[in-house]
């Protein structure tokens, strides 16, 4: 199978999604689309271009051609277990990254509030000083 020119039919997207116990929405969130697109890809009502193939292969931890060539049950039990371990590690990393992003955002908001309060204090001091001189 040539991933640059995928066939119109015969993909294993649904099988791979089910292998990881993901809903269509969960898969959609992972590749930056919505559940209706996943539904269309699975039912082959939408052409699978190379962009979709790359994103799906990445989140499924498979080669691009595997989306058309091999469903999960064609892998050995050891291979399937290895794929699940890779996915679990990636999910753990994704959660940690989200937590770090939230922490950074909270820190940034806190810093912005501190700057605003400092600026207001300085402005109030200037006004009082200007008022005392006037």
Foldseek 3Di string as FASTA:
>chain_A
DDLQDDDLDAFQLVLLCVLLPHQLQRLCVQQPHGSVVSVCVVVSVDGDHSSNLVSSCVLQVHDSCCRRVPGPVVDDPVVSVVSNVVNVVVVVVVVVVVVVVVVVVVVVVVVVVVVVVVVVVVVVVVVVVVVVVD
